[in-house]
């Protein structure tokens, strides 16, 4: 089993930063998704793709992966950049 550990990004549709301090462990899909012949919905027989484990810290996520024997890849969080501008810049 392989998994990836990453920190949740900020939702682009909202200004709040809720749940951005959580670390998530997701399993990589073991088989590709395919269209259902009757309904046309995309799906697969991979049940681990539905599992998203949330942790309060990176160390807790790594400890869980080591304890359960999961080979996990860390995806680093991109640096946050601030765009500082004055309100008057909106009208130029």
Protein backbone atom coordinates (compact mmCIF):
# COMPACT_ATOMS: atom_id res chain seq x y z
CA UNK A 1 0.00 0.00 0.00
CA UNK A 2 1.26 3.43 -0.87
CA UNK A 3 -0.12 6.71 0.35
CA UNK A 4 0.55 10.42 0.22
CA UNK A 5 0.66 12.84 3.13
CA UNK A 6 -0.16 16.48 2.49
CA UNK A 7 -1.53 19.56 4.22
CA UNK A 8 -4.92 20.77 3.08
CA UNK A 9 -4.84 23.91 0.92
CA UNK A 10 -7.04 26.92 1.60
CA UNK A 11 -10.37 26.82 -0.19
CA UNK A 12 -10.21 29.27 -3.07
CA UNK A 13 -13.95 29.95 -2.96
CA UNK A 14 -13.95 31.19 0.64
CA UNK A 15 -11.83 33.60 2.65
CA UNK A 16 -11.65 31.41 5.76
CA UNK A 17 -8.74 29.15 6.63
CA UNK A 18 -10.61 26.37 8.41
CA UNK A 19 -9.01 22.91 8.35
CA UNK A 20 -5.82 24.21 6.69
CA UNK A 21 -3.75 23.09 9.67
CA UNK A 22 -4.79 19.43 9.23
CA UNK A 23 -2.57 16.84 7.59
CA UNK A 24 -4.27 14.25 5.38
CA UNK A 25 -3.16 10.73 4.52
CA UNK A 26 -4.70 9.48 1.25
CA UNK A 27 -4.07 6.15 -0.41
CA UNK A 28 -3.02 6.15 -4.05
CA UNK A 29 -5.48 4.37 -6.36
CA UNK A 30 -4.52 0.80 -7.16
CA UNK A 31 -6.67 0.53 -10.29
CA UNK A 32 -7.98 3.10 -12.78
CA UNK A 33 -11.57 4.31 -12.71
CA UNK A 34 -13.87 3.05 -15.44
CA UNK A 35 -17.33 4.01 -16.60
CA UNK A 36 -20.23 1.88 -15.43
CA UNK A 37 -21.94 0.37 -18.49
CA UNK A 38 -25.47 1.00 -17.18
CA UNK A 39 -25.33 4.46 -15.57
CA UNK A 40 -22.09 5.85 -16.97
CA UNK A 41 -20.75 6.83 -13.53
CA UNK A 42 -17.01 6.57 -12.98
CA UNK A 43 -16.00 4.04 -10.36
CA UNK A 44 -13.62 1.26 -9.45
CA UNK A 45 -13.31 -1.65 -7.09
CA UNK A 46 -10.62 0.10 -5.07
CA UNK A 47 -12.12 0.74 -1.64
CA UNK A 48 -9.00 2.40 -0.21
CA UNK A 49 -9.56 5.38 -2.52
CA UNK A 50 -12.44 6.37 -0.22
CA UNK A 51 -10.23 6.58 2.88
CA UNK A 52 -8.96 10.03 3.93
CA UNK A 53 -7.34 10.07 7.37
CA UNK A 54 -6.89 13.44 9.10
CA UNK A 55 -4.11 14.18 11.60
CA UNK A 56 -3.27 17.20 13.71
CA UNK A 57 0.44 17.12 12.86
CA UNK A 58 2.86 15.74 10.29
CA UNK A 59 4.59 13.63 12.92
CA UNK A 60 1.31 11.93 13.85
CA UNK A 61 0.61 11.09 10.19
CA UNK A 62 4.12 9.69 9.70
CA UNK A 63 3.89 7.67 12.93
CA UNK A 64 0.60 6.14 11.80
CA UNK A 65 2.05 5.20 8.42
CA UNK A 66 5.11 3.59 10.02
CA UNK A 67 2.99 1.74 12.58
CA UNK A 68 0.66 0.30 9.91
CA UNK A 69 3.47 -0.46 7.40
CA UNK A 70 2.29 2.03 4.79
CA UNK A 71 4.90 3.54 2.49
CA UNK A 72 3.96 7.21 2.49
CA UNK A 73 5.25 10.05 0.33
CA UNK A 74 5.26 13.56 1.77
CA UNK A 75 4.00 16.29 -0.55
CA UNK A 76 5.44 19.57 0.77
CA UNK A 77 3.20 22.55 1.34
CA UNK A 78 3.93 25.38 -1.12
CA UNK A 79 5.02 28.66 0.48
CA UNK A 80 2.29 31.19 1.11
CA UNK A 81 2.71 34.51 -0.65
CA UNK A 82 0.86 37.67 0.19
CA UNK A 83 -0.15 40.18 -2.43
CA UNK A 84 -0.09 43.49 -0.61
CA UNK A 85 -1.94 46.29 -2.34
CA UNK A 86 -3.93 49.32 -1.40
CA UNK A 87 -7.67 49.60 -1.95
CA UNK A 88 -7.06 52.47 -4.37
CA UNK A 89 -5.17 50.08 -6.69
CA UNK A 90 -8.52 48.51 -7.63
CA UNK A 91 -9.46 51.66 -9.51
CA UNK A 92 -6.31 52.14 -11.63
